[in-house]
Amino acid sequence: MSIRLETGDTAPDFNLPAAGGDSVSLDQLRGQRVILYFYPKASTPGCTTQACDFRDSLDSLAASGYTVLGISPDPVSALAKFTQEQSLSFPLLSDEDHSVAESYGAWGEKKNYGRVVEGLIRSTIVLDEDGKVALAQYNVKATGHVARLREKLAA
């Protein structure tokens, strides 16, 4: 199991392909507060709910100085389709080998329909302007997560 990040930890660097064809690196985001949310699979009910909640809250999050990025093990083509179908206006990044999820503690054993499996653990990591972890949440529930996060961040 991956080691989970805690407040004050330096966020691991990454460079991942985005649904739009570009790549996004953590280095490009220095100076910004960033919400990284890890989700298991595009176009599934829980992941759609969570993505749409982020989409619908994007203006208030941006007004509070946050940039939102979604990360999943889906290929870029699935992310592009999901982005289009749900009119998502923030980047979705492809972590097919789940190396970034592992480095952030968002990959490991979890229960899925009563069975223990290895996979992506729905997680949200908030980074400060210096790339340090300001908040790390693991095993979050998709429904209502963004509202709870906004309350915690006062966004």
N, C-alpha and C. Protein backbone atom coordinates (compact mmCIF):
# COMPACT_ATOMS: atom_id res chain seq x y z
N MET A 1 0.84 -1.19 0.00
CA MET A 1 0.00 0.00 0.00
C MET A 1 0.88 1.25 0.00
N SER A 2 0.44 2.25 -0.70
CA SER A 2 1.18 3.51 -0.78
C SER A 2 1.14 4.24 0.55
N ILE A 3 2.15 5.05 0.78
CA ILE A 3 2.17 5.88 1.97
C ILE A 3 1.33 7.11 1.69
N ARG A 4 0.43 7.41 2.60
CA ARG A 4 -0.46 8.55 2.42
C ARG A 4 0.24 9.85 2.79
N LEU A 5 -0.09 10.89 2.04
CA LEU A 5 0.47 12.20 2.30
C LEU A 5 -0.23 12.86 3.48
N GLU A 6 0.49 13.74 4.15
CA GLU A 6 -0.07 14.48 5.28
C GLU A 6 0.22 15.96 5.09
N THR A 7 -0.52 16.77 5.81
CA THR A 7 -0.34 18.21 5.76
C THR A 7 1.13 18.56 6.00
N GLY A 8 1.65 19.43 5.12
CA GLY A 8 3.04 19.86 5.22
C GLY A 8 4.00 19.09 4.34
N ASP A 9 3.60 17.90 3.87
CA ASP A 9 4.46 17.13 2.96
C ASP A 9 4.62 17.87 1.63
N THR A 10 5.77 17.69 1.00
CA THR A 10 5.97 18.21 -0.34
C THR A 10 5.27 17.28 -1.33
N ALA A 11 4.44 17.85 -2.19
CA ALA A 11 3.71 17.05 -3.17
C ALA A 11 4.67 16.49 -4.21
N PRO A 12 4.53 15.20 -4.54
CA PRO A 12 5.38 14.61 -5.58
C PRO A 12 5.14 15.28 -6.94
N ASP A 13 6.21 15.50 -7.67
CA ASP A 13 6.09 16.06 -9.02
C ASP A 13 5.40 15.07 -9.94
N PHE A 14 4.76 15.59 -10.98
CA PHE A 14 4.18 14.74 -12.01
C PHE A 14 4.11 15.52 -13.31
N ASN A 15 3.97 14.79 -14.39
CA ASN A 15 3.73 15.34 -15.72
C ASN A 15 2.84 14.33 -16.41
N LEU A 16 1.57 14.68 -16.61
CA LEU A 16 0.59 13.74 -17.14
C LEU A 16 -0.12 14.31 -18.37
N PRO A 17 -0.49 13.43 -19.30
CA PRO A 17 -1.27 13.88 -20.45
C PRO A 17 -2.70 14.22 -20.04
N ALA A 18 -3.22 15.28 -20.65
CA ALA A 18 -4.57 15.75 -20.36
C ALA A 18 -5.53 15.38 -21.49
N ALA A 19 -6.81 15.39 -21.17
CA ALA A 19 -7.85 15.04 -22.14
C ALA A 19 -7.75 15.88 -23.41
N GLY A 20 -7.36 17.14 -23.31
CA GLY A 20 -7.28 18.02 -24.46
C GLY A 20 -6.05 17.83 -25.32
N GLY A 21 -5.14 16.93 -24.93
CA GLY A 21 -3.95 16.69 -25.73
C GLY A 21 -2.69 17.30 -25.17
N ASP A 22 -2.82 18.27 -24.27
CA ASP A 22 -1.64 18.87 -23.64
C ASP A 22 -1.17 17.98 -22.50
N SER A 23 -0.08 18.36 -21.89
CA SER A 23 0.40 17.73 -20.67
C SER A 23 0.35 18.76 -19.57
N VAL A 24 0.17 18.29 -18.35
CA VAL A 24 0.16 19.19 -17.19
C VAL A 24 1.17 18.65 -16.19
N SER A 25 2.01 19.57 -15.71
CA SER A 25 2.99 19.18 -14.69
C SER A 25 2.75 19.99 -13.43
N LEU A 26 3.15 19.44 -12.32
CA LEU A 26 3.01 20.15 -11.06
C LEU A 26 3.85 21.42 -11.09
N ASP A 27 4.99 21.36 -11.75
CA ASP A 27 5.87 22.52 -11.84
C ASP A 27 5.17 23.72 -12.48
N GLN A 28 4.29 23.47 -13.48
CA GLN A 28 3.53 24.55 -14.14
C GLN A 28 2.58 25.24 -13.18
N LEU A 29 2.23 24.56 -12.09
CA LEU A 29 1.20 25.05 -11.19
C LEU A 29 1.76 25.76 -9.96
N ARG A 30 3.08 25.88 -9.87
CA ARG A 30 3.68 26.58 -8.73
C ARG A 30 3.10 27.99 -8.65
N GLY A 31 2.82 28.43 -7.44
CA GLY A 31 2.23 29.74 -7.24
C GLY A 31 0.71 29.71 -7.21
N GLN A 32 0.13 28.54 -7.48
CA GLN A 32 -1.32 28.38 -7.44
C GLN A 32 -1.70 27.38 -6.35
N ARG A 33 -2.89 27.57 -5.79
CA ARG A 33 -3.44 26.55 -4.91
C ARG A 33 -4.17 25.56 -5.80
N VAL A 34 -3.92 24.28 -5.57
CA VAL A 34 -4.41 23.24 -6.48
C VAL A 34 -5.20 22.18 -5.71
N ILE A 35 -6.33 21.80 -6.29
CA ILE A 35 -7.10 20.67 -5.78
C ILE A 35 -6.89 19.53 -6.78
N LEU A 36 -6.22 18.47 -6.33
CA LEU A 36 -6.06 17.26 -7.13
C LEU A 36 -7.07 16.25 -6.61
N TYR A 37 -7.97 15.82 -7.48
CA TYR A 37 -8.86 14.77 -7.01
C TYR A 37 -8.66 13.53 -7.87
N PHE A 38 -8.47 12.42 -7.19
CA PHE A 38 -8.23 11.13 -7.83
C PHE A 38 -9.55 10.36 -7.83
N TYR A 39 -9.93 9.87 -9.00
CA TYR A 39 -11.20 9.14 -9.12
C TYR A 39 -10.96 7.88 -9.94
N PRO A 40 -11.73 6.81 -9.65
CA PRO A 40 -11.44 5.50 -10.26
C PRO A 40 -11.70 5.36 -11.76
N LYS A 41 -12.85 5.84 -12.26
CA LYS A 41 -13.17 5.54 -13.65
C LYS A 41 -14.16 6.55 -14.22
N ALA A 42 -13.78 7.18 -15.31
CA ALA A 42 -14.65 8.13 -15.99
C ALA A 42 -15.95 7.47 -16.43
N SER A 43 -17.00 8.25 -16.42
CA SER A 43 -18.34 7.85 -16.92
C SER A 43 -19.04 6.82 -16.05
N THR A 44 -18.57 6.60 -14.84
CA THR A 44 -19.30 5.75 -13.91
C THR A 44 -20.14 6.68 -13.02
N PRO A 45 -21.19 6.16 -12.38
CA PRO A 45 -22.10 7.05 -11.65
C PRO A 45 -21.44 7.93 -10.59
N GLY A 46 -20.64 7.35 -9.70
CA GLY A 46 -20.00 8.14 -8.64
C GLY A 46 -19.03 9.16 -9.19
N CYS A 47 -18.24 8.74 -10.17
CA CYS A 47 -17.24 9.64 -10.75
C CYS A 47 -17.90 10.77 -11.54
N THR A 48 -19.02 10.47 -12.18
CA THR A 48 -19.76 11.50 -12.90
C THR A 48 -20.33 12.51 -11.92
N THR A 49 -20.92 12.03 -10.82
CA THR A 49 -21.46 12.91 -9.79
C THR A 49 -20.36 13.85 -9.27
N GLN A 50 -19.21 13.28 -8.94
CA GLN A 50 -18.12 14.07 -8.39
C GLN A 50 -17.60 15.09 -9.40
N ALA A 51 -17.39 14.67 -10.63
CA ALA A 51 -16.88 15.58 -11.67
C ALA A 51 -17.86 16.72 -11.92
N CYS A 52 -19.15 16.41 -11.98
CA CYS A 52 -20.15 17.45 -12.21
C CYS A 52 -20.24 18.40 -11.02
N ASP A 53 -20.06 17.88 -9.81
CA ASP A 53 -20.03 18.75 -8.63
C ASP A 53 -18.84 19.71 -8.70
N PHE A 54 -17.69 19.22 -9.11
CA PHE A 54 -16.54 20.12 -9.28
C PHE A 54 -16.82 21.13 -10.38
N ARG A 55 -17.38 20.67 -11.48
CA ARG A 55 -17.72 21.59 -12.59
C ARG A 55 -18.65 22.69 -12.10
N ASP A 56 -19.68 22.32 -11.35
CA ASP A 56 -20.68 23.28 -10.89
C ASP A 56 -20.14 24.21 -9.81
N SER A 57 -19.06 23.83 -9.15
CA SER A 57 -18.45 24.65 -8.09
C SER A 57 -17.19 25.36 -8.55
N LEU A 58 -16.85 25.20 -9.81
CA LEU A 58 -15.57 25.70 -10.31
C LEU A 58 -15.43 27.22 -10.15
N ASP A 59 -16.49 27.97 -10.40
CA ASP A 59 -16.40 29.43 -10.28
C ASP A 59 -16.06 29.85 -8.85
N SER A 60 -16.73 29.25 -7.86
CA SER A 60 -16.46 29.65 -6.48
C SER A 60 -15.08 29.17 -6.03
N LEU A 61 -14.66 28.01 -6.50
CA LEU A 61 -13.31 27.52 -6.17
C LEU A 61 -12.25 28.42 -6.80
N ALA A 62 -12.46 28.79 -8.06
CA ALA A 62 -11.52 29.68 -8.74
C ALA A 62 -11.49 31.05 -8.08
N ALA A 63 -12.65 31.55 -7.65
CA ALA A 63 -12.71 32.84 -6.98
C ALA A 63 -11.94 32.81 -5.66
N SER A 64 -11.83 31.63 -5.07
CA SER A 64 -11.07 31.46 -3.83
C SER A 64 -9.61 31.10 -4.11
N GLY A 65 -9.24 31.09 -5.39
CA GLY A 65 -7.85 30.89 -5.77
C GLY A 65 -7.43 29.45 -6.03
N TYR A 66 -8.38 28.54 -6.25
CA TYR A 66 -8.05 27.14 -6.46
C TYR A 66 -8.16 26.74 -7.93
N THR A 67 -7.21 25.93 -8.37
CA THR A 67 -7.23 25.28 -9.67
C THR A 67 -7.58 23.82 -9.42
N VAL A 68 -8.51 23.27 -10.21
CA VAL A 68 -8.96 21.89 -10.02
C VAL A 68 -8.42 21.01 -11.14
N LEU A 69 -7.90 19.84 -10.75
CA LEU A 69 -7.44 18.83 -11.70
C LEU A 69 -7.98 17.48 -11.26
N GLY A 70 -8.56 16.73 -12.20
CA GLY A 70 -8.98 15.36 -11.93
C GLY A 70 -7.96 14.39 -12.50
N ILE A 71 -7.66 13.33 -11.75
CA ILE A 71 -6.67 12.34 -12.19
C ILE A 71 -7.28 10.95 -12.05
N SER A 72 -7.19 10.16 -13.13
CA SER A 72 -7.67 8.78 -13.09
C SER A 72 -6.76 7.90 -13.94
N PRO A 73 -6.90 6.57 -13.80
CA PRO A 73 -6.09 5.67 -14.62
C PRO A 73 -6.67 5.45 -16.03
N ASP A 74 -7.69 6.21 -16.39
CA ASP A 74 -8.30 6.08 -17.72
C ASP A 74 -7.35 6.58 -18.81
N PRO A 75 -7.46 6.01 -20.01
CA PRO A 75 -6.69 6.56 -21.13
C PRO A 75 -7.22 7.94 -21.54
N VAL A 76 -6.40 8.71 -22.20
CA VAL A 76 -6.77 10.06 -22.63
C VAL A 76 -8.06 10.05 -23.44
N SER A 77 -8.25 9.06 -24.30
CA SER A 77 -9.46 9.02 -25.14
C SER A 77 -10.73 8.93 -24.29
N ALA A 78 -10.71 8.15 -23.21
CA ALA A 78 -11.88 8.04 -22.32
C ALA A 78 -12.11 9.36 -21.59
N LEU A 79 -11.02 10.02 -21.21
CA LEU A 79 -11.15 11.30 -20.51
C LEU A 79 -11.71 12.38 -21.44
N ALA A 80 -11.28 12.37 -22.70
CA ALA A 80 -11.79 13.34 -23.67
C ALA A 80 -13.29 13.15 -23.88
N LYS A 81 -13.72 11.91 -23.98
CA LYS A 81 -15.15 11.62 -24.15
C LYS A 81 -15.93 12.07 -22.92
N PHE A 82 -15.43 11.76 -21.73
CA PHE A 82 -16.07 12.13 -20.47
C PHE A 82 -16.16 13.66 -20.35
N THR A 83 -15.08 14.34 -20.70
CA THR A 83 -15.05 15.81 -20.65
C THR A 83 -16.14 16.39 -21.54
N GLN A 84 -16.25 15.86 -22.73
CA GLN A 84 -17.23 16.37 -23.68
C GLN A 84 -18.65 16.05 -23.24
N GLU A 85 -18.89 14.82 -22.83
CA GLU A 85 -20.25 14.40 -22.42
C GLU A 85 -20.76 15.19 -21.23
N GLN A 86 -19.89 15.53 -20.31
CA GLN A 86 -20.30 16.21 -19.08
C GLN A 86 -19.99 17.71 -19.07
N SER A 87 -19.52 18.23 -20.20
CA SER A 87 -19.18 19.66 -20.32
C SER A 87 -18.25 20.11 -19.18
N LEU A 88 -17.21 19.32 -18.96
CA LEU A 88 -16.26 19.63 -17.90
C LEU A 88 -15.29 20.72 -18.38
N SER A 89 -15.04 21.68 -17.52
CA SER A 89 -14.23 22.83 -17.92
C SER A 89 -12.92 22.93 -17.13
N PHE A 90 -12.48 21.80 -16.61
CA PHE A 90 -11.19 21.73 -15.93
C PHE A 90 -10.46 20.50 -16.45
N PRO A 91 -9.14 20.46 -16.35
CA PRO A 91 -8.37 19.36 -16.94
C PRO A 91 -8.57 18.02 -16.22
N LEU A 92 -8.71 16.98 -17.01
CA LEU A 92 -8.67 15.60 -16.53
C LEU A 92 -7.37 15.00 -17.04
N LEU A 93 -6.61 14.38 -16.14
CA LEU A 93 -5.29 13.86 -16.47
C LEU A 93 -5.28 12.34 -16.41
N SER A 94 -4.54 11.75 -17.34
CA SER A 94 -4.45 10.29 -17.45
C SER A 94 -3.21 9.77 -16.75
N ASP A 95 -3.43 8.88 -15.79
CA ASP A 95 -2.35 8.24 -15.02
C ASP A 95 -2.49 6.73 -15.20
N GLU A 96 -2.33 6.29 -16.46
CA GLU A 96 -2.61 4.88 -16.80
C GLU A 96 -1.77 3.88 -16.01
N ASP A 97 -0.54 4.22 -15.70
CA ASP A 97 0.29 3.27 -14.95
C ASP A 97 0.15 3.48 -13.44
N HIS A 98 -0.74 4.36 -13.06
CA HIS A 98 -1.07 4.74 -11.68
C HIS A 98 0.13 5.10 -10.81
N SER A 99 1.22 5.53 -11.43
CA SER A 99 2.41 5.90 -10.66
C SER A 99 2.19 7.18 -9.85
N VAL A 100 1.44 8.12 -10.41
CA VAL A 100 1.16 9.36 -9.68
C VAL A 100 0.22 9.05 -8.52
N ALA A 101 -0.82 8.27 -8.78
CA ALA A 101 -1.74 7.88 -7.71
C ALA A 101 -0.98 7.19 -6.58
N GLU A 102 -0.05 6.32 -6.93
CA GLU A 102 0.75 5.64 -5.91
C GLU A 102 1.57 6.65 -5.10
N SER A 103 2.19 7.60 -5.78
CA SER A 103 3.04 8.57 -5.08
C SER A 103 2.24 9.49 -4.17
N TYR A 104 0.96 9.64 -4.45
CA TYR A 104 0.08 10.47 -3.63
C TYR A 104 -0.71 9.65 -2.60
N GLY A 105 -0.48 8.35 -2.56
CA GLY A 105 -1.18 7.49 -1.60
C GLY A 105 -2.60 7.16 -2.01
N ALA A 106 -2.93 7.37 -3.28
CA ALA A 106 -4.30 7.16 -3.77
C ALA A 106 -4.45 5.85 -4.52
N TRP A 107 -3.51 4.94 -4.38
CA TRP A 107 -3.60 3.63 -5.03
C TRP A 107 -3.27 2.58 -3.97
N GLY A 108 -4.08 1.55 -3.89
CA GLY A 108 -3.81 0.50 -2.92
C GLY A 108 -5.02 -0.39 -2.73
N GLU A 109 -5.02 -1.13 -1.63
CA GLU A 109 -6.12 -2.03 -1.34
C GLU A 109 -7.34 -1.24 -0.90
N LYS A 110 -8.49 -1.68 -1.40
CA LYS A 110 -9.75 -1.06 -1.01
C LYS A 110 -10.84 -2.11 -1.12
N LYS A 111 -11.97 -1.84 -0.50
CA LYS A 111 -13.11 -2.76 -0.60
C LYS A 111 -13.99 -2.30 -1.75
N ASN A 112 -14.36 -3.25 -2.58
CA ASN A 112 -15.23 -2.98 -3.71
C ASN A 112 -16.30 -4.07 -3.73
N TYR A 113 -17.52 -3.69 -3.38
CA TYR A 113 -18.62 -4.66 -3.30
C TYR A 113 -18.27 -5.83 -2.39
N GLY A 114 -17.66 -5.51 -1.25
CA GLY A 114 -17.35 -6.51 -0.24
C GLY A 114 -16.06 -7.29 -0.46
N ARG A 115 -15.42 -7.11 -1.62
CA ARG A 115 -14.16 -7.80 -1.91
C ARG A 115 -13.00 -6.82 -1.76
N VAL A 116 -11.87 -7.32 -1.32
CA VAL A 116 -10.68 -6.49 -1.25
C VAL A 116 -9.97 -6.58 -2.60
N VAL A 117 -9.77 -5.42 -3.21
CA VAL A 117 -9.10 -5.34 -4.52
C VAL A 117 -8.04 -4.23 -4.45
N GLU A 118 -7.14 -4.25 -5.39
CA GLU A 118 -6.18 -3.16 -5.50
C GLU A 118 -6.67 -2.23 -6.60
N GLY A 119 -6.66 -0.94 -6.29
CA GLY A 119 -7.12 0.03 -7.28
C GLY A 119 -6.99 1.44 -6.76
N LEU A 120 -7.62 2.34 -7.49
CA LEU A 120 -7.57 3.74 -7.13
C LEU A 120 -8.50 4.01 -5.96
N ILE A 121 -8.01 4.71 -4.97
CA ILE A 121 -8.76 5.09 -3.79
C ILE A 121 -9.21 6.54 -4.00
N ARG A 122 -10.52 6.75 -4.02
CA ARG A 122 -11.04 8.10 -4.26
C ARG A 122 -10.46 9.03 -3.19
N SER A 123 -9.68 10.01 -3.64
CA SER A 123 -8.92 10.87 -2.72
C SER A 123 -8.86 12.30 -3.26
N THR A 124 -8.69 13.24 -2.36
CA THR A 124 -8.51 14.63 -2.74
C THR A 124 -7.33 15.19 -1.96
N ILE A 125 -6.41 15.79 -2.69
CA ILE A 125 -5.22 16.40 -2.10
C ILE A 125 -5.22 17.87 -2.49
N VAL A 126 -5.17 18.74 -1.51
CA VAL A 126 -5.14 20.18 -1.75
C VAL A 126 -3.71 20.66 -1.50
N LEU A 127 -3.17 21.38 -2.47
CA LEU A 127 -1.80 21.87 -2.39
C LEU A 127 -1.78 23.39 -2.25
N ASP A 128 -0.82 23.88 -1.50
CA ASP A 128 -0.66 25.33 -1.39
C ASP A 128 0.20 25.84 -2.55
N GLU A 129 0.44 27.13 -2.55
CA GLU A 129 1.19 27.77 -3.65
C GLU A 129 2.61 27.26 -3.79
N ASP A 130 3.16 26.69 -2.73
CA ASP A 130 4.53 26.19 -2.75
C ASP A 130 4.62 24.70 -3.07
N GLY A 131 3.47 24.07 -3.38
CA GLY A 131 3.47 22.65 -3.68
C GLY A 131 3.50 21.77 -2.44
N LYS A 132 3.11 22.33 -1.32
CA LYS A 132 3.01 21.55 -0.07
C LYS A 132 1.55 21.13 0.13
N VAL A 133 1.37 19.98 0.77
CA VAL A 133 0.03 19.47 1.04
C VAL A 133 -0.62 20.33 2.13
N ALA A 134 -1.76 20.92 1.80
CA ALA A 134 -2.53 21.71 2.76
C ALA A 134 -3.63 20.84 3.38
N LEU A 135 -4.10 19.83 2.62
CA LEU A 135 -5.17 18.95 3.08
C LEU A 135 -5.08 17.66 2.27
N ALA A 136 -5.19 16.53 2.94
CA ALA A 136 -5.19 15.23 2.26
C ALA A 136 -6.38 14.43 2.79
N GLN A 137 -7.27 14.04 1.88
CA GLN A 137 -8.45 13.26 2.24
C GLN A 137 -8.47 11.99 1.41
N TYR A 138 -8.63 10.85 2.08
CA TYR A 138 -8.65 9.55 1.42
C TYR A 138 -9.97 8.85 1.69
N ASN A 139 -10.36 7.97 0.77
CA ASN A 139 -11.61 7.22 0.88
C ASN A 139 -12.81 8.15 0.99
N VAL A 140 -12.81 9.21 0.19
CA VAL A 140 -13.93 10.15 0.23
C VAL A 140 -15.12 9.56 -0.52
N LYS A 141 -16.29 9.98 -0.14
CA LYS A 141 -17.53 9.59 -0.83
C LYS A 141 -17.78 10.62 -1.92
N ALA A 142 -18.16 10.15 -3.09
CA ALA A 142 -18.37 11.06 -4.23
C ALA A 142 -19.50 12.05 -3.97
N THR A 143 -20.62 11.55 -3.50
CA THR A 143 -21.79 12.40 -3.29
C THR A 143 -21.55 13.35 -2.12
N GLY A 144 -21.66 14.63 -2.38
CA GLY A 144 -21.52 15.65 -1.34
C GLY A 144 -20.08 16.02 -1.01
N HIS A 145 -19.12 15.35 -1.64
CA HIS A 145 -17.72 15.60 -1.31
C HIS A 145 -17.31 17.04 -1.61
N VAL A 146 -17.69 17.56 -2.77
CA VAL A 146 -17.25 18.90 -3.15
C VAL A 146 -17.84 19.95 -2.21
N ALA A 147 -19.08 19.78 -1.81
CA ALA A 147 -19.69 20.72 -0.86
C ALA A 147 -18.95 20.69 0.48
N ARG A 148 -18.62 19.50 0.95
CA ARG A 148 -17.87 19.39 2.21
C ARG A 148 -16.47 19.99 2.07
N LEU A 149 -15.84 19.78 0.92
CA LEU A 149 -14.51 20.33 0.67
C LEU A 149 -14.57 21.86 0.63
N ARG A 150 -15.55 22.40 -0.06
CA ARG A 150 -15.69 23.85 -0.13
C ARG A 150 -15.89 24.46 1.25
N GLU A 151 -16.65 23.78 2.09
CA GLU A 151 -16.87 24.26 3.46
C GLU A 151 -15.55 24.26 4.22
N LYS A 152 -14.81 23.18 4.09
CA LYS A 152 -13.52 23.06 4.81
C LYS A 152 -12.52 24.12 4.32
N LEU A 153 -12.56 24.42 3.03
CA LEU A 153 -11.63 25.41 2.45
C LEU A 153 -12.18 26.82 2.51
N ALA A 154 -13.41 26.97 2.98
CA ALA A 154 -14.09 28.26 3.00
C ALA A 154 -14.11 28.87 1.61
N ALA A 155 -14.43 28.03 0.62
CA ALA A 155 -14.46 28.48 -0.78
C ALA A 155 -15.90 28.60 -1.29
